[in-house]
Amino acid sequence: MSVFELHFPVGQAINTIELLFDACERDERRLSKQALKQVMQKGAVWLTDNGKTRRLRRAKAQLKIGQELHLYYNSDALSDDFEHPILIEDCGAYSVWYKPSGMMSQGSKWGDHSTIARFAELNLSPQRPAFLVHRLDRATQGIIVVAHSKRGVRELTGLFEQRKITKKYQAVVQGYFDGLREYKTDIDGRSAYTKASLLRYDIDTDYSLVDVEIGTGRKHQIRRHLSDDGFAIIGDRLHGDADGSTECDLQLCAYSLAFECPLLNKKQQFVVEPKLLLSI
């Protein structure tokens, strides 16, 4: 794996690809202009101008004196070797996708080509801008919604903020999960509500498949509530599996999303089959 970053002020009027190439040559980084263009397209080049920093993708963009260019190179992050999401439905103003475990919802300074939003932007036909409405943890699989218009962002974000969307998950946890449990412990000082019930128990592995519904969307909410109650989700290396003994992905899937759509004026429900160890 090759990882480095370069930061350099713009000292003359020049196009981006020429400055990037010259800077890499001086730093003895052997990247061709074609390779650098791909790095730009994958979102790993940034431009600071008047105190504001943004991604820069156009190789021929003309730079101005006083600006600053940033290159973040990570060969693993820039790899095209990642599992692609699956389009569930294209609704025009938004699209609904199955996001596989390991795929990020949003990018980092190292790039964004392998994120759900950028993938949707590049692969839908016709192509449209893409904006995140909500997020799933990188390790979580399941349904995620991407908006393609400002109105879509506004309306759908409002539904999530007003808790008018029914979100259901399935998870595989360690131990026998008896009955129905409700969790109301605050997450990071904010109210949080999680309800979970047993779907299936496997005596051989001592694993339980549970159905989970959340009334709020706090960071790692399901993982934290279940782990704090002694039912760590299998594959959770942050809130469970401290010894790293399991090699499987996080056993958590957002399998159902339902809401009254203000854009299409109808009830929408999207469901996928979870790909978990104890999936029914």
C-alpha atoms as a PDB file:
ATOM      1  CA  MET A   1       0.000   0.000   0.000  1.00  0.00           C
ATOM      2  CA  SER A   2       1.282   3.467  -0.913  1.00  0.00           C
ATOM      3  CA  VAL A   3       0.141   6.422   1.196  1.00  0.00           C
ATOM      4  CA  PHE A   4       1.284  10.037   1.031  1.00  0.00           C
ATOM      5  CA  GLU A   5      -0.063  13.561   0.894  1.00  0.00           C
ATOM      6  CA  LEU A   6       1.267  16.719  -0.750  1.00  0.00           C
ATOM      7  CA  HIS A   7       0.302  20.330  -0.066  1.00  0.00           C
ATOM      8  CA  PHE A   8       1.645  23.162  -2.161  1.00  0.00           C
ATOM      9  CA  PRO A   9       0.782  26.816  -2.829  1.00  0.00           C
ATOM     10  CA  VAL A  10       0.013  27.970  -6.349  1.00  0.00           C
ATOM     11  CA  GLY A  11       2.807  30.337  -7.360  1.00  0.00           C
ATOM     12  CA  GLN A  12       1.776  30.937 -10.963  1.00  0.00           C
ATOM     13  CA  ALA A  13      -1.215  30.706 -13.269  1.00  0.00           C
ATOM     14  CA  ILE A  14      -1.200  27.075 -14.429  1.00  0.00           C
ATOM     15  CA  ASN A  15      -3.651  24.269 -15.055  1.00  0.00           C
ATOM     16  CA  THR A  16      -4.150  21.710 -12.314  1.00  0.00           C
ATOM     17  CA  ILE A  17      -2.742  18.596 -13.953  1.00  0.00           C
ATOM     18  CA  GLU A  18       0.536  20.331 -14.850  1.00  0.00           C
ATOM     19  CA  LEU A  19       1.052  21.571 -11.296  1.00  0.00           C
ATOM     20  CA  LEU A  20       0.181  18.162  -9.829  1.00  0.00           C
ATOM     21  CA  PHE A  21       2.557  16.383 -12.175  1.00  0.00           C
ATOM     22  CA  ASP A  22       5.431  18.799 -11.492  1.00  0.00           C
ATOM     23  CA  ALA A  23       4.887  18.597  -7.719  1.00  0.00           C
ATOM     24  CA  CYS A  24       4.894  14.787  -7.768  1.00  0.00           C
ATOM     25  CA  GLU A  25       8.060  14.762  -9.857  1.00  0.00           C
ATOM     26  CA  ARG A  26       9.831  17.042  -7.375  1.00  0.00           C
ATOM     27  CA  ASP A  27       8.747  14.791  -4.523  1.00  0.00           C
ATOM     28  CA  GLU A  28       9.872  11.722  -6.489  1.00  0.00           C
ATOM     29  CA  ARG A  29       6.342  10.337  -6.696  1.00  0.00           C
ATOM     30  CA  ARG A  30       6.117   8.539 -10.022  1.00  0.00           C
ATOM     31  CA  LEU A  31       2.529   9.208 -11.101  1.00  0.00           C
ATOM     32  CA  SER A  32       1.650   9.735 -14.746  1.00  0.00           C
ATOM     33  CA  LYS A  33      -0.711  12.486 -15.820  1.00  0.00           C
ATOM     34  CA  GLN A  34      -3.313   9.857 -16.652  1.00  0.00           C
ATOM     35  CA  ALA A  35      -2.985   8.352 -13.163  1.00  0.00           C
ATOM     36  CA  LEU A  36      -3.322  11.805 -11.621  1.00  0.00           C
ATOM     37  CA  LYS A  37      -6.472  12.484 -13.648  1.00  0.00           C
ATOM     38  CA  GLN A  38      -7.986   9.305 -12.195  1.00  0.00           C
ATOM     39  CA  VAL A  39      -6.974  10.384  -8.705  1.00  0.00           C
ATOM     40  CA  MET A  40      -8.780  13.683  -9.311  1.00  0.00           C
ATOM     41  CA  GLN A  41     -11.899  11.949 -10.598  1.00  0.00           C
ATOM     42  CA  LYS A  42     -11.917   9.770  -7.482  1.00  0.00           C
ATOM     43  CA  GLY A  43     -12.027  12.831  -5.250  1.00  0.00           C
ATOM     44  CA  ALA A  44      -8.547  12.831  -3.704  1.00  0.00           C
ATOM     45  CA  VAL A  45      -7.446  16.288  -4.881  1.00  0.00           C
ATOM     46  CA  TRP A  46      -8.611  19.415  -3.038  1.00  0.00           C
ATOM     47  CA  LEU A  47      -8.275  23.150  -3.663  1.00  0.00           C
ATOM     48  CA  THR A  48      -8.176  25.859  -0.993  1.00  0.00           C
ATOM     49  CA  ASP A  49      -9.283  29.286  -2.203  1.00  0.00           C
ATOM     50  CA  ASN A  50     -10.076  32.256   0.062  1.00  0.00           C
ATOM     51  CA  GLY A  51     -10.146  29.992   3.104  1.00  0.00           C
ATOM     52  CA  LYS A  52     -12.592  27.478   1.610  1.00  0.00           C
ATOM     53  CA  THR A  53     -11.520  23.973   0.615  1.00  0.00           C
ATOM     54  CA  ARG A  54     -13.350  21.783  -1.902  1.00  0.00           C
ATOM     55  CA  ARG A  55     -12.707  18.769  -4.091  1.00  0.00           C
ATOM     56  CA  LEU A  56     -11.275  19.536  -7.498  1.00  0.00           C
ATOM     57  CA  ARG A  57     -11.967  17.042 -10.298  1.00  0.00           C
ATOM     58  CA  ARG A  58     -11.236  18.973 -13.520  1.00  0.00           C
ATOM     59  CA  ALA A  59      -7.698  18.276 -14.667  1.00  0.00           C
ATOM     60  CA  LYS A  60      -7.612  21.376 -16.884  1.00  0.00           C
ATOM     61  CA  ALA A  61      -8.967  23.775 -14.264  1.00  0.00           C
ATOM     62  CA  GLN A  62      -6.886  26.957 -14.264  1.00  0.00           C
ATOM     63  CA  LEU A  63      -5.283  27.730 -10.911  1.00  0.00           C
ATOM     64  CA  LYS A  64      -4.595  31.204  -9.545  1.00  0.00           C
ATOM     65  CA  ILE A  65      -1.722  32.577  -7.511  1.00  0.00           C
ATOM     66  CA  GLY A  66      -2.497  32.365  -3.794  1.00  0.00           C
ATOM     67  CA  GLN A  67      -4.569  29.215  -3.982  1.00  0.00           C
ATOM     68  CA  GLU A  68      -3.338  25.961  -2.429  1.00  0.00           C
ATOM     69  CA  LEU A  69      -3.582  22.466  -3.859  1.00  0.00           C
ATOM     70  CA  HIS A  70      -3.763  19.252  -1.813  1.00  0.00           C
ATOM     71  CA  LEU A  71      -3.199  15.687  -2.989  1.00  0.00           C
ATOM     72  CA  TYR A  72      -4.141  12.746  -0.733  1.00  0.00           C
ATOM     73  CA  TYR A  73      -2.907   9.481  -2.182  1.00  0.00           C
ATOM     74  CA  ASN A  74      -3.836   6.114  -0.692  1.00  0.00           C
ATOM     75  CA  SER A  75      -3.637   3.222  -3.128  1.00  0.00           C
ATOM     76  CA  ASP A  76      -6.100   1.122  -1.113  1.00  0.00           C
ATOM     77  CA  ALA A  77      -8.660   3.930  -0.824  1.00  0.00           C
ATOM     78  CA  LEU A  78      -8.336   4.627  -4.570  1.00  0.00           C
ATOM     79  CA  SER A  79      -8.769   0.983  -5.571  1.00  0.00           C
ATOM     80  CA  ASP A  80     -11.671  -0.035  -7.792  1.00  0.00           C
ATOM     81  CA  ASP A  81     -11.860  -3.367  -5.974  1.00  0.00           C
ATOM     82  CA  PHE A  82     -15.016  -2.869  -3.910  1.00  0.00           C
ATOM     83  CA  GLU A  83     -18.454  -4.485  -3.848  1.00  0.00           C
ATOM     84  CA  HIS A  84     -20.936  -2.377  -5.768  1.00  0.00           C
ATOM     85  CA  PRO A  85     -24.332  -1.383  -4.366  1.00  0.00           C
ATOM     86  CA  ILE A  86     -27.546  -2.626  -5.975  1.00  0.00           C
ATOM     87  CA  LEU A  87     -30.224  -0.246  -7.214  1.00  0.00           C
ATOM     88  CA  ILE A  88     -33.582  -1.099  -5.649  1.00  0.00           C
ATOM     89  CA  GLU A  89     -35.635   1.643  -7.295  1.00  0.00           C
ATOM     90  CA  ASP A  90     -35.019   4.884  -9.170  1.00  0.00           C
ATOM     91  CA  CYS A  91     -37.765   7.318  -8.126  1.00  0.00           C
ATOM     92  CA  GLY A  92     -36.449  10.267 -10.111  1.00  0.00           C
ATOM     93  CA  ALA A  93     -35.921  12.834  -7.366  1.00  0.00           C
ATOM     94  CA  TYR A  94     -34.293  10.110  -5.271  1.00  0.00           C
ATOM     95  CA  SER A  95     -33.073   6.548  -5.603  1.00  0.00           C
ATOM     96  CA  VAL A  96     -33.048   3.648  -3.166  1.00  0.00           C
ATOM     97  CA  TRP A  97     -30.077   1.298  -2.916  1.00  0.00           C
ATOM     98  CA  TYR A  98     -28.817  -1.794  -1.139  1.00  0.00           C
ATOM     99  CA  LYS A  99     -25.462  -0.791   0.361  1.00  0.00           C
ATOM    100  CA  PRO A 100     -23.098  -3.719   1.018  1.00  0.00           C
ATOM    101  CA  SER A 101     -21.074  -3.994   4.197  1.00  0.00           C
ATOM    102  CA  GLY A 102     -17.758  -2.175   3.816  1.00  0.00           C
ATOM    103  CA  MET A 103     -19.056   0.590   1.551  1.00  0.00           C
ATOM    104  CA  MET A 104     -18.953   4.128   2.935  1.00  0.00           C
ATOM    105  CA  SER A 105     -21.931   6.467   2.886  1.00  0.00           C
ATOM    106  CA  GLN A 106     -19.732   9.526   2.411  1.00  0.00           C
ATOM    107  CA  GLY A 107     -16.168  10.173   1.362  1.00  0.00           C
ATOM    108  CA  SER A 108     -13.059  11.361   3.136  1.00  0.00           C
ATOM    109  CA  LYS A 109     -10.076  13.454   2.109  1.00  0.00           C
ATOM    110  CA  TRP A 110      -8.674  10.269   0.513  1.00  0.00           C
ATOM    111  CA  GLY A 111     -11.480  10.096  -2.049  1.00  0.00           C
ATOM    112  CA  ASP A 112     -15.166   9.413  -2.579  1.00  0.00           C
ATOM    113  CA  HIS A 113     -15.461   7.200  -5.666  1.00  0.00           C
ATOM    114  CA  SER A 114     -16.371   4.116  -3.602  1.00  0.00           C
ATOM    115  CA  THR A 115     -19.134   5.869  -1.635  1.00  0.00           C
ATOM    116  CA  ILE A 116     -22.817   5.252  -2.229  1.00  0.00           C
ATOM    117  CA  ALA A 117     -23.535   8.882  -3.213  1.00  0.00           C
ATOM    118  CA  ARG A 118     -20.749   9.139  -5.784  1.00  0.00           C
ATOM    119  CA  PHE A 119     -21.538   5.689  -7.187  1.00  0.00           C
ATOM    120  CA  ALA A 120     -25.170   6.696  -7.661  1.00  0.00           C
ATOM    121  CA  GLU A 121     -24.140   9.981  -9.282  1.00  0.00           C
ATOM    122  CA  LEU A 122     -21.980   8.226 -11.856  1.00  0.00           C
ATOM    123  CA  ASN A 123     -24.056   5.132 -12.561  1.00  0.00           C
ATOM    124  CA  LEU A 124     -27.676   6.232 -12.768  1.00  0.00           C
ATOM    125  CA  SER A 125     -29.119   6.950 -16.188  1.00  0.00           C
ATOM    126  CA  PRO A 126     -29.662   9.761 -16.812  1.00  0.00           C
ATOM    127  CA  GLN A 127     -26.836  10.998 -14.593  1.00  0.00           C
ATOM    128  CA  ARG A 128     -27.831  13.375 -11.792  1.00  0.00           C
ATOM    129  CA  PRO A 129     -26.181  15.000  -8.787  1.00  0.00           C
ATOM    130  CA  ALA A 130     -26.460  12.889  -5.641  1.00  0.00           C
ATOM    131  CA  PHE A 131     -26.906  13.960  -2.028  1.00  0.00           C
ATOM    132  CA  LEU A 132     -27.014  11.889   1.134  1.00  0.00           C
ATOM    133  CA  VAL A 133     -30.303  11.957   3.019  1.00  0.00           C
ATOM    134  CA  HIS A 134     -29.205   9.654   5.854  1.00  0.00           C
ATOM    135  CA  ARG A 135     -26.262   7.403   6.633  1.00  0.00           C
ATOM    136  CA  LEU A 136     -25.436   3.816   7.441  1.00  0.00           C
ATOM    137  CA  ASP A 137     -22.237   2.848   9.240  1.00  0.00           C
ATOM    138  CA  ARG A 138     -19.586   1.579   6.855  1.00  0.00           C
ATOM    139  CA  ALA A 139     -19.897  -1.925   8.348  1.00  0.00           C
ATOM    140  CA  THR A 140     -23.716  -1.994   8.128  1.00  0.00           C
ATOM    141  CA  GLN A 141     -25.459  -3.433   5.080  1.00  0.00           C
ATOM    142  CA  GLY A 142     -28.910  -2.517   3.852  1.00  0.00           C
ATOM    143  CA  ILE A 143     -31.233   0.126   2.432  1.00  0.00           C
ATOM    144  CA  ILE A 144     -30.064   3.689   1.929  1.00  0.00           C
ATOM    145  CA  VAL A 145     -31.748   6.614   0.156  1.00  0.00           C
ATOM    146  CA  VAL A 146     -29.917   9.101  -2.075  1.00  0.00           C
ATOM    147  CA  ALA A 147     -31.582  12.339  -3.213  1.00  0.00           C
ATOM    148  CA  HIS A 148     -31.054  13.886  -6.656  1.00  0.00           C
ATOM    149  CA  SER A 149     -32.623  17.317  -6.264  1.00  0.00           C
ATOM    150  CA  LYS A 150     -32.654  20.100  -3.705  1.00  0.00           C
ATOM    151  CA  ARG A 151     -36.324  19.503  -3.066  1.00  0.00           C
ATOM    152  CA  GLY A 152     -35.671  15.801  -2.643  1.00  0.00           C
ATOM    153  CA  VAL A 153     -33.010  16.517  -0.027  1.00  0.00           C
ATOM    154  CA  ARG A 154     -35.267  18.963   1.807  1.00  0.00           C
ATOM    155  CA  GLU A 155     -38.362  16.761   1.868  1.00  0.00           C
ATOM    156  CA  LEU A 156     -36.674  13.474   2.706  1.00  0.00           C
ATOM    157  CA  THR A 157     -34.326  14.950   5.294  1.00  0.00           C
ATOM    158  CA  GLY A 158     -37.395  16.458   6.923  1.00  0.00           C
ATOM    159  CA  LEU A 159     -39.016  13.036   7.201  1.00  0.00           C
ATOM    160  CA  PHE A 160     -35.981  11.642   8.997  1.00  0.00           C
ATOM    161  CA  GLU A 161     -35.717  14.653  11.305  1.00  0.00           C
ATOM    162  CA  GLN A 162     -39.428  14.471  12.159  1.00  0.00           C
ATOM    163  CA  ARG A 163     -39.174  10.689  12.733  1.00  0.00           C
ATOM    164  CA  LYS A 164     -41.787   9.954  10.082  1.00  0.00           C
ATOM    165  CA  ILE A 165     -39.802   7.085   8.583  1.00  0.00           C
ATOM    166  CA  THR A 166     -40.104   3.544   9.909  1.00  0.00           C
ATOM    167  CA  LYS A 167     -36.658   1.919   9.976  1.00  0.00           C
ATOM    168  CA  LYS A 168     -36.234  -1.788  10.676  1.00  0.00           C
ATOM    169  CA  TYR A 169     -33.071  -3.824  11.050  1.00  0.00           C
ATOM    170  CA  GLN A 170     -32.036  -7.396  11.698  1.00  0.00           C
ATOM    171  CA  ALA A 171     -28.977  -8.280  13.733  1.00  0.00           C
ATOM    172  CA  VAL A 172     -27.234 -11.424  14.926  1.00  0.00           C
ATOM    173  CA  VAL A 173     -26.161 -11.124  18.553  1.00  0.00           C
ATOM    174  CA  GLN A 174     -24.233 -13.263  20.989  1.00  0.00           C
ATOM    175  CA  GLY A 175     -26.402 -15.186  23.476  1.00  0.00           C
ATOM    176  CA  TYR A 176     -30.083 -16.029  23.884  1.00  0.00           C
ATOM    177  CA  PHE A 177     -32.175 -12.898  23.379  1.00  0.00           C
ATOM    178  CA  ASP A 178     -35.377 -13.576  25.267  1.00  0.00           C
ATOM    179  CA  GLY A 179     -38.622 -11.730  24.564  1.00  0.00           C
ATOM    180  CA  LEU A 180     -39.070  -8.079  23.640  1.00  0.00           C
ATOM    181  CA  ARG A 181     -36.698  -5.410  24.945  1.00  0.00           C
ATOM    182  CA  GLU A 182     -36.852  -1.636  24.745  1.00  0.00           C
ATOM    183  CA  TYR A 183     -33.858   0.678  25.225  1.00  0.00           C
ATOM    184  CA  LYS A 184     -34.140   4.352  26.081  1.00  0.00           C
ATOM    185  CA  THR A 185     -30.597   5.119  27.260  1.00  0.00           C
ATOM    186  CA  ASP A 186     -29.277   8.408  25.874  1.00  0.00           C
ATOM    187  CA  ILE A 187     -26.560   8.236  23.224  1.00  0.00           C
ATOM    188  CA  ASP A 188     -23.931  10.981  23.539  1.00  0.00           C
ATOM    189  CA  GLY A 189     -26.293  13.040  25.659  1.00  0.00           C
ATOM    190  CA  ARG A 190     -29.217  12.783  23.235  1.00  0.00           C
ATOM    191  CA  SER A 191     -32.391  10.748  23.610  1.00  0.00           C
ATOM    192  CA  ALA A 192     -32.434   7.410  21.803  1.00  0.00           C
ATOM    193  CA  TYR A 193     -35.029   4.667  21.421  1.00  0.00           C
ATOM    194  CA  THR A 194     -34.476   1.099  20.230  1.00  0.00           C
ATOM    195  CA  LYS A 195     -36.896  -1.854  20.311  1.00  0.00           C
ATOM    196  CA  ALA A 196     -35.693  -5.414  19.676  1.00  0.00           C
ATOM    197  CA  SER A 197     -37.346  -8.837  19.627  1.00  0.00           C
ATOM    198  CA  LEU A 198     -36.199 -12.409  19.021  1.00  0.00           C
ATOM    199  CA  LEU A 199     -36.732 -13.971  15.588  1.00  0.00           C
ATOM    200  CA  ARG A 200     -34.617 -17.095  15.920  1.00  0.00           C
ATOM    201  CA  TYR A 201     -32.105 -18.676  18.294  1.00  0.00           C
ATOM    202  CA  ASP A 202     -29.373 -21.128  17.257  1.00  0.00           C
ATOM    203  CA  ILE A 203     -28.305 -23.313  20.154  1.00  0.00           C
ATOM    204  CA  ASP A 204     -25.180 -24.621  18.405  1.00  0.00           C
ATOM    205  CA  THR A 205     -23.599 -21.184  18.039  1.00  0.00           C
ATOM    206  CA  ASP A 206     -25.450 -19.466  20.898  1.00  0.00           C
ATOM    207  CA  TYR A 207     -26.453 -16.760  18.440  1.00  0.00           C
ATOM    208  CA  SER A 208     -29.810 -14.949  18.270  1.00  0.00           C
ATOM    209  CA  LEU A 209     -31.345 -13.289  15.224  1.00  0.00           C
ATOM    210  CA  VAL A 210     -33.253 -10.225  16.398  1.00  0.00           C
ATOM    211  CA  ASP A 211     -35.591  -7.772  14.726  1.00  0.00           C
ATOM    212  CA  VAL A 212     -34.862  -4.149  15.590  1.00  0.00           C
ATOM    213  CA  GLU A 213     -36.840  -0.948  15.136  1.00  0.00           C
ATOM    214  CA  ILE A 214     -35.429   2.457  16.017  1.00  0.00           C
ATOM    215  CA  GLY A 215     -37.213   5.693  16.763  1.00  0.00           C
ATOM    216  CA  THR A 216     -34.069   7.816  16.560  1.00  0.00           C
ATOM    217  CA  GLY A 217     -30.882   7.687  14.508  1.00  0.00           C
ATOM    218  CA  ARG A 218     -27.971   8.241  16.853  1.00  0.00           C
ATOM    219  CA  LYS A 219     -24.442   7.193  15.952  1.00  0.00           C
ATOM    220  CA  HIS A 220     -23.978   3.425  16.459  1.00  0.00           C
ATOM    221  CA  GLN A 221     -27.294   3.426  18.333  1.00  0.00           C
ATOM    222  CA  ILE A 222     -28.268  -0.212  17.783  1.00  0.00           C
ATOM    223  CA  ARG A 223     -24.740  -1.470  18.329  1.00  0.00           C
ATOM    224  CA  ARG A 224     -24.385   0.445  21.580  1.00  0.00           C
ATOM    225  CA  HIS A 225     -27.797  -0.339  23.037  1.00  0.00           C
ATOM    226  CA  LEU A 226     -27.500  -4.073  22.380  1.00  0.00           C
ATOM    227  CA  SER A 227     -23.889  -4.295  23.524  1.00  0.00           C
ATOM    228  CA  ASP A 228     -24.620  -2.407  26.746  1.00  0.00           C
ATOM    229  CA  ASP A 229     -27.318  -4.999  27.493  1.00  0.00           C
ATOM    230  CA  GLY A 230     -24.878  -7.876  27.025  1.00  0.00           C
ATOM    231  CA  PHE A 231     -25.873  -8.740  23.456  1.00  0.00           C
ATOM    232  CA  ALA A 232     -22.965  -7.592  21.304  1.00  0.00           C
ATOM    233  CA  ILE A 233     -23.627  -7.833  17.565  1.00  0.00           C
ATOM    234  CA  ILE A 234     -21.465 -10.498  15.937  1.00  0.00           C
ATOM    235  CA  GLY A 235     -18.646  -8.916  13.940  1.00  0.00           C
ATOM    236  CA  ASP A 236     -18.754  -5.625  15.856  1.00  0.00           C
ATOM    237  CA  ARG A 237     -15.110  -4.831  16.524  1.00  0.00           C
ATOM    238  CA  LEU A 238     -15.917  -1.495  18.115  1.00  0.00           C
ATOM    239  CA  HIS A 239     -18.606  -2.345  20.659  1.00  0.00           C
ATOM    240  CA  GLY A 240     -18.140  -6.123  20.804  1.00  0.00           C
ATOM    241  CA  ASP A 241     -15.751  -8.918  19.757  1.00  0.00           C
ATOM    242  CA  ALA A 242     -12.945  -7.260  21.693  1.00  0.00           C
ATOM    243  CA  ASP A 243     -10.645 -10.209  21.044  1.00  0.00           C
ATOM    244  CA  GLY A 244     -11.212 -10.026  17.272  1.00  0.00           C
ATOM    245  CA  SER A 245     -11.943 -13.753  17.207  1.00  0.00           C
ATOM    246  CA  THR A 246     -14.533 -13.563  14.424  1.00  0.00           C
ATOM    247  CA  GLU A 247     -13.655 -12.821  10.801  1.00  0.00           C
ATOM    248  CA  CYS A 248     -17.216 -12.154   9.607  1.00  0.00           C
ATOM    249  CA  ASP A 249     -18.655  -8.756   8.698  1.00  0.00           C
ATOM    250  CA  LEU A 250     -20.844  -6.862  11.131  1.00  0.00           C
ATOM    251  CA  GLN A 251     -24.089  -8.820  11.360  1.00  0.00           C
ATOM    252  CA  LEU A 252     -26.436  -5.868  11.044  1.00  0.00           C
ATOM    253  CA  CYS A 253     -28.756  -5.078   8.134  1.00  0.00           C
ATOM    254  CA  ALA A 254     -31.188  -2.208   7.523  1.00  0.00           C
ATOM    255  CA  TYR A 255     -33.777  -4.352   5.759  1.00  0.00           C
ATOM    256  CA  SER A 256     -36.934  -2.196   5.682  1.00  0.00           C
ATOM    257  CA  LEU A 257     -37.702   1.471   5.131  1.00  0.00           C
ATOM    258  CA  ALA A 258     -41.255   2.859   4.957  1.00  0.00           C
ATOM    259  CA  PHE A 259     -42.634   6.387   4.681  1.00  0.00           C
ATOM    260  CA  GLU A 260     -45.323   8.582   3.155  1.00  0.00           C
ATOM    261  CA  CYS A 261     -43.527  10.150   0.198  1.00  0.00           C
ATOM    262  CA  PRO A 262     -44.279  13.893  -0.168  1.00  0.00           C
ATOM    263  CA  LEU A 263     -42.626  13.898  -3.593  1.00  0.00           C
ATOM    264  CA  LEU A 264     -44.748  11.152  -5.148  1.00  0.00           C
ATOM    265  CA  ASN A 265     -47.762  11.508  -2.812  1.00  0.00           C
ATOM    266  CA  LYS A 266     -47.885   7.815  -1.955  1.00  0.00           C
ATOM    267  CA  LYS A 267     -46.747   5.373   0.690  1.00  0.00           C
ATOM    268  CA  GLN A 268     -43.349   3.857  -0.050  1.00  0.00           C
ATOM    269  CA  GLN A 269     -41.912   0.702   1.456  1.00  0.00           C
ATOM    270  CA  PHE A 270     -38.616  -0.894   0.460  1.00  0.00           C
ATOM    271  CA  VAL A 271     -37.469  -4.278   1.734  1.00  0.00           C
ATOM    272  CA  VAL A 272     -34.348  -6.390   1.149  1.00  0.00           C
ATOM    273  CA  GLU A 273     -33.401  -9.845   2.339  1.00  0.00           C
ATOM    274  CA  PRO A 274     -30.629  -9.573   4.963  1.00  0.00           C
ATOM    275  CA  LYS A 275     -27.427 -11.450   4.231  1.00  0.00           C
ATOM    276  CA  LEU A 276     -26.703 -12.491   7.805  1.00  0.00           C
ATOM    277  CA  LEU A 277     -25.459 -15.664   9.490  1.00  0.00           C
ATOM    278  CA  LEU A 278     -28.935 -16.619  10.750  1.00  0.00           C
ATOM    279  CA  SER A 279     -31.054 -15.046   8.009  1.00  0.00           C
ATOM    280  CA  ILE A 280     -34.427 -16.757   7.676  1.00  0.00           C
END
